[in-house]
Protein backbone atom coordinates (compact mmCIF):
# COMPACT_ATOMS: atom_id res chain seq x y z
CA MET A 1 6.38 -19.56 28.35
CA SER A 2 4.29 -20.31 25.25
CA THR A 3 5.95 -20.84 21.92
CA ILE A 4 4.92 -19.20 18.70
CA ARG A 5 3.25 -21.91 16.63
CA HIS A 6 2.24 -19.74 13.65
CA PRO A 7 5.10 -17.31 12.87
CA LYS A 8 3.36 -15.70 9.86
CA ASP A 9 0.37 -14.63 11.96
CA PHE A 10 2.59 -13.53 14.82
CA TRP A 11 4.82 -11.27 12.72
CA SER A 12 1.84 -9.94 10.74
CA GLY A 13 0.22 -9.01 14.05
CA VAL A 14 3.40 -7.30 15.28
CA LEU A 15 3.60 -5.33 12.02
CA PHE A 16 -0.07 -4.26 12.27
CA MET A 17 0.44 -3.16 15.88
CA ALA A 18 3.56 -1.17 14.94
CA ILE A 19 1.76 0.63 12.10
CA GLY A 20 -1.22 1.26 14.39
CA ALA A 21 1.05 2.71 17.08
CA PHE A 22 2.69 4.96 14.49
CA ALA A 23 -0.75 6.18 13.33
CA LEU A 24 -1.73 6.92 16.93
CA VAL A 25 1.45 8.88 17.58
CA ALA A 26 1.22 10.75 14.27
CA GLY A 27 -2.43 11.61 14.93
CA THR A 28 -1.72 13.27 18.29
CA LYS A 29 -0.65 16.48 16.51
CA TYR A 30 -4.16 16.97 15.16
CA THR A 31 -7.49 17.66 16.83
CA ILE A 32 -9.85 14.71 17.11
CA GLY A 33 -13.22 16.41 16.94
CA THR A 34 -16.34 14.28 17.41
CA ALA A 35 -17.93 11.46 15.46
CA ALA A 36 -20.41 13.95 13.99
CA ARG A 37 -17.75 16.57 13.29
CA MET A 38 -14.47 14.76 12.70
CA GLY A 39 -11.20 16.61 12.98
CA PRO A 40 -8.03 15.76 11.04
CA GLY A 41 -6.79 13.50 13.86
CA TYR A 42 -9.94 11.39 14.10
CA PHE A 43 -9.26 8.98 11.25
CA PRO A 44 -5.57 8.24 12.04
CA ARG A 45 -6.41 7.52 15.67
CA ILE A 46 -9.38 5.27 14.92
CA LEU A 47 -7.38 3.48 12.23
CA GLY A 48 -4.45 3.12 14.64
CA ILE A 49 -6.67 1.62 17.33
CA LEU A 50 -8.26 -0.81 14.88
CA LEU A 51 -4.84 -1.89 13.56
CA ILE A 52 -3.55 -2.46 17.09
CA VAL A 53 -6.61 -4.55 17.98
CA LEU A 54 -6.38 -6.57 14.75
CA GLY A 55 -2.64 -7.05 15.26
CA ALA A 56 -3.15 -8.23 18.84
CA ILE A 57 -5.77 -10.76 17.71
CA LEU A 58 -3.43 -12.07 15.00
CA ALA A 59 -0.45 -12.26 17.34
CA LEU A 60 -2.41 -14.04 20.05
CA ARG A 61 -3.84 -16.52 17.53
CA ALA A 62 -0.27 -17.44 16.65
CA PHE A 63 0.11 -19.14 20.03
CA ARG A 64 -2.89 -21.45 19.41
CA LEU A 65 -2.83 -22.28 15.69
CA VAL A 66 -0.12 -24.19 13.90
CA GLY A 67 1.15 -22.66 10.68
CA ASP A 68 4.01 -22.37 8.26
CA ARG A 69 7.33 -20.72 8.96
CA VAL A 70 8.02 -17.29 7.56
CA PRO A 71 9.67 -17.86 4.16
CA GLY A 72 13.01 -16.30 3.25
CA TRP A 73 13.06 -12.75 1.96
CA LYS A 74 12.63 -12.40 -1.79
CA TRP A 75 14.64 -9.41 -3.02
CA ARG A 76 13.67 -9.41 -6.70
CA PRO A 77 9.92 -8.79 -6.18
CA THR A 78 10.61 -6.24 -3.45
CA LEU A 79 13.01 -4.26 -5.60
CA LEU A 80 10.78 -4.46 -8.68
CA VAL A 81 7.69 -3.18 -6.88
CA LEU A 82 9.48 -0.44 -4.93
CA GLY A 83 11.56 0.51 -7.98
CA SER A 84 8.47 0.80 -10.17
CA VAL A 85 6.85 3.19 -7.67
CA VAL A 86 10.01 5.32 -7.46
CA LEU A 87 10.30 5.32 -11.26
CA PHE A 88 6.65 6.38 -11.55
CA GLY A 89 7.33 9.38 -9.30
CA ALA A 90 10.38 10.30 -11.36
CA ILE A 91 8.73 10.10 -14.80
CA VAL A 92 5.12 11.16 -14.22
CA LYS A 93 5.77 14.81 -15.11
CA ILE A 94 7.84 13.83 -18.14
CA LEU A 95 5.75 11.01 -19.68
CA GLY A 96 2.40 12.04 -18.25
CA MET A 97 -0.03 10.19 -16.00
CA ALA A 98 -1.25 7.67 -18.59
CA LEU A 99 2.11 6.29 -19.79
CA SER A 100 3.69 6.44 -16.33
CA THR A 101 0.85 4.38 -14.88
CA ILE A 102 1.23 1.77 -17.62
CA VAL A 103 4.98 1.54 -16.91
CA LEU A 104 4.28 1.24 -13.18
CA ILE A 105 1.76 -1.59 -13.61
CA VAL A 106 3.85 -3.58 -16.09
CA LEU A 107 7.05 -3.33 -14.02
CA ALA A 108 5.30 -4.12 -10.73
CA SER A 109 3.51 -7.06 -12.36
CA ALA A 110 6.87 -8.45 -13.48
CA ALA A 111 7.60 -9.14 -9.79
CA SER A 112 5.15 -12.06 -9.87
CA HIS A 113 6.16 -15.52 -11.01
CA GLU A 114 2.82 -15.57 -12.87
CA PHE A 115 3.72 -12.49 -14.97
CA ARG A 116 2.12 -12.31 -18.42
CA PRO A 117 3.07 -9.21 -20.44
CA LYS A 118 -0.19 -9.02 -22.41
CA GLU A 119 -2.35 -9.15 -19.26
CA ALA A 120 -0.09 -6.65 -17.51
CA ALA A 121 -0.38 -4.24 -20.46
CA ILE A 122 -4.18 -4.54 -20.51
CA SER A 123 -4.33 -3.98 -16.74
CA GLY A 124 -1.99 -1.02 -17.16
CA LEU A 125 -4.24 0.54 -19.80
CA LEU A 126 -7.37 0.10 -17.69
CA LEU A 127 -5.71 1.39 -14.52
CA ALA A 128 -4.18 4.32 -16.44
CA ALA A 129 -7.65 5.33 -17.63
CA LEU A 130 -8.96 5.02 -14.07
CA ALA A 131 -6.03 7.01 -12.64
CA VAL A 132 -6.48 9.80 -15.18
CA GLY A 133 -10.21 9.86 -14.52
CA VAL A 134 -9.86 9.99 -10.74
CA PHE A 135 -6.78 12.15 -10.23
CA VAL A 136 -6.60 14.46 -13.24
CA VAL A 137 -10.27 14.84 -14.17
CA GLY A 138 -12.04 14.15 -10.86
CA LEU A 139 -9.62 15.67 -8.34
CA ASN A 140 -8.21 18.20 -10.81
CA LEU A 141 -4.56 17.48 -9.96
CA GLN A 142 -2.16 19.44 -12.10
CA LEU A 143 -0.48 16.46 -13.78
CA PRO A 144 -0.02 16.09 -17.52
CA ILE A 145 -1.95 13.22 -19.06
CA TRP A 146 0.45 12.76 -22.01
CA PRO A 147 4.10 13.71 -22.68
CA GLY A 148 4.63 17.35 -23.65
CA GLN A 149 1.59 18.69 -21.77
CA GLY A 150 3.53 19.83 -18.66
């Protein structure tokens, strides 16, 4: 039996295949349609197939190439990123889309060992403007932009 020589690629491939399989199963509830007239199940199934193929290529490559071990799990970045997303969902109707997005970006950026508050704040401002433009103005979602508008 072959040994896994590149664990990062192998486990990335397994993860891609698992997500692809989930997309395929989830897409079975919806009609596929045709390429010219796509149904709601078309995209999840095509995406699932592509993820499975990509995952298989990655996993098979792991038997040929030599690579690094999978590093230990880092809890601080995981909790900061996931916590910032949960916090965003909890405060978006209270603080509004603009301030909530800035909080999200700054907190998620703090997960990096290269965190710089000034750059995170600037990125937060730019992404907040983009988020407001796309979701509130463009898609007309009923979210307040600033506190007190909801």
